Amino acid sequence: MDKWRVTQNLLLFCQRSKFIFRNLRLQLRCSEETLYATSNPLYGGSLGKNINCWRSLSTCTAKLQESSVAKLQGIQSSQRRLLGSSAYELHRNDSFSKLSLEDIDYFKKILGEKSVIQDEDVLSTANVDWMRKYKGSSQLLLKPRNTNEVSKILKYCNSRYLAVVPQGGNTGLVGGSVPVFDEVIVSTSSMNNIIGFDNVSGILVCEAGCILEKLDSFLAEKGFMMPLDLGAKGSCQIGGNVSTNAGGLRFVRYGSLRGNVLGLEVVLPNGTIVDMLGTLRKDNTGYDLKQLFIGSEGSLGIITKVSILTPLRLSSINLAFLACNDYLSCQKLLLEAKTKLGEVLSAFEFLDCESMELVLSYLDGVRNPLPPSNFYVLIETTGSNESHDKEKLESFFLHSMERGILSDGVMAQDMNQASSFWQIREGIAEALMKAGAVYKYDLSLPIENLYKIVEEMRKRLGESAKVLGYGHLGDGNLHLNISTPVYDDTVFELIEPFVYEWTSKHRGSISAEHGLGLMKANEIHYSKSSEAVHLMASIKGLFDPNGIMNPYKFLPRSLLSQHKEDASLHGPEI
């Protein structure tokens, strides 16, 4: 009976401080189901039959009583973080406050109960990235419904020194959209309204939480389309796309978001709402401040609204799937496509035979429309005259065959065949996930050197890993992927820092479109000069002197710490 009372007292305490107990339970692997089943006869538990489980519960109780709330929440203040397979010591910033019951009460007051989420299943999803490679331990997910609520959240968090992670569709590949420790997650998913669309100019204004595919469907009814297309379009959000300056499959035709985004509304770390939501194609007044937030990965504030120029959805779309014997032929084919297809060229993608083999091995229903080859190229044209565009692509195809640039090829005869061609290219990422562990590198390189690093990596790794190369050849973007059954420190040490050193030596960028996030925050110097990185840190310190926005990411942590210490010498915050 005494044991029953002790257990009941523990349960009452846990009900009042559930978020504290949740953290303890994550650390001690003591599940709530076991707690109820072993202590409460109403749930079928029996202390006599489950004395060992009860002893485990008693151990949890003793540890809970021994530690203060601050100590419990500080369990994860220092831990080993796994990046690929390389574990290193990353310390929680002690200047950040830890979540309290008063904080949660405040958020419930301004957002309502339903928008303040502590449910473990929801948090377990929000704490882990798409690749299940990066995992945080946030105890709180906030879902504001409008800009004013975002402003109140950030103003409060800034005053309390509560670290914040902005999160959209959580489809990133470098750990930028999930907590590192216990940061508060601020999701934009409830901010998903289309504000307006101009049928003449093609300018769309919407909230940051709008899903890319839904925006494209909305525009399709108006005869327009989004200027970017991503494999994650069914779940990624436009705010996240802009925050990471996402590239995608049709960059070669429509360019980057830096050119297509006309305006933004942004909430700064101190809660200030900055209205830059212009809809003008030309505005040459003052600094173009919106560019600071495009590609800043949530490090300077939270994007809440976007104004974007959208192109017409042209009716004539043609697709060809081609084979080349070597990478030099792929380069010649790109030049030929630019020359012969010109204004209708909308995509130029390539993949090697290893990428094709992986897709065929791990994805059901996918087949190679051509005999085996060393390289494959997918070319899309988009125009307004079906017969003219098709004739142009056929002429390009025959001319390339005659010159010996192509070894084989086929043109899609209908939408189903076109979709099957795209499935090969877009399915590579999924196939890699099914194959086991994957080390992903998103590189920009001069086109003549782009595939050399794949060949160098194969020599370096030998039989210990499969090395794949594919990507957006039209804009010099290689997706270098190393596939192994499991993450292996020996393999990792052969990859890094070699991959970054090689890229830097050949005047490339270590991040073409995926961003820096947690994975590459400390590697930015391979692509940017020391002076440029210091200037970026100064901008970060100016906008976010408390460093609460997406900490530990985007810029070298040592440099950010140094700038924070010097912040008092640089004047007031923005």
Foldseek 3Di string as FASTA:
>chain_A
DVLLVVLVVVVVVCVVVVLLVVLLCVVLVLDPLLSCQQRPVVNVHDCVVPVVSSVSVVVSVVVVVVDDSVVSLCPVQWDWAADLNDTDIDGHDPVADDDDPVLLVVLCVLANDVQKDQDPVVQQVQQAAPLRRAGEDARIEGEHQALQSQLVNLQVCQVRRAFEAEAALRHFDFALRHDNYHGYYYYDLNQAAWDDADLPQQKTKGWFRHQQVVVQVVVVVSQWGAQADALVSVRGTNQQCQQQQFQHFQCLQRNTQVQFWQFWWWQFSNSDIDGGADQDNDDDPDDPVSVLRGNNSFLGTGTTMTMGHIGGQADAKKKKKFAFADLVLLVVLLVLCCVQVPNFWGGKKKWALLLLVLCVVQPPPADDPDPRHGMMIMTMTGDHDHVVNVVSVVVSVVVSVVVRSTPDMDMDPDPVSVVSVVCSVSVSVVSLSVQARKDKWKKAADLVCLCVVQVVLCVQCPPQWDWIWIDGSSRRIIIIMTHHNYRDPVSVVSCPPVVLQVQLVRQMARHDRSHWRLNRQDPRCSNDPPVVLLVSLLSSCQRRLSSSTSPNIRHHNVSNVVCSVCSVVVDDHD
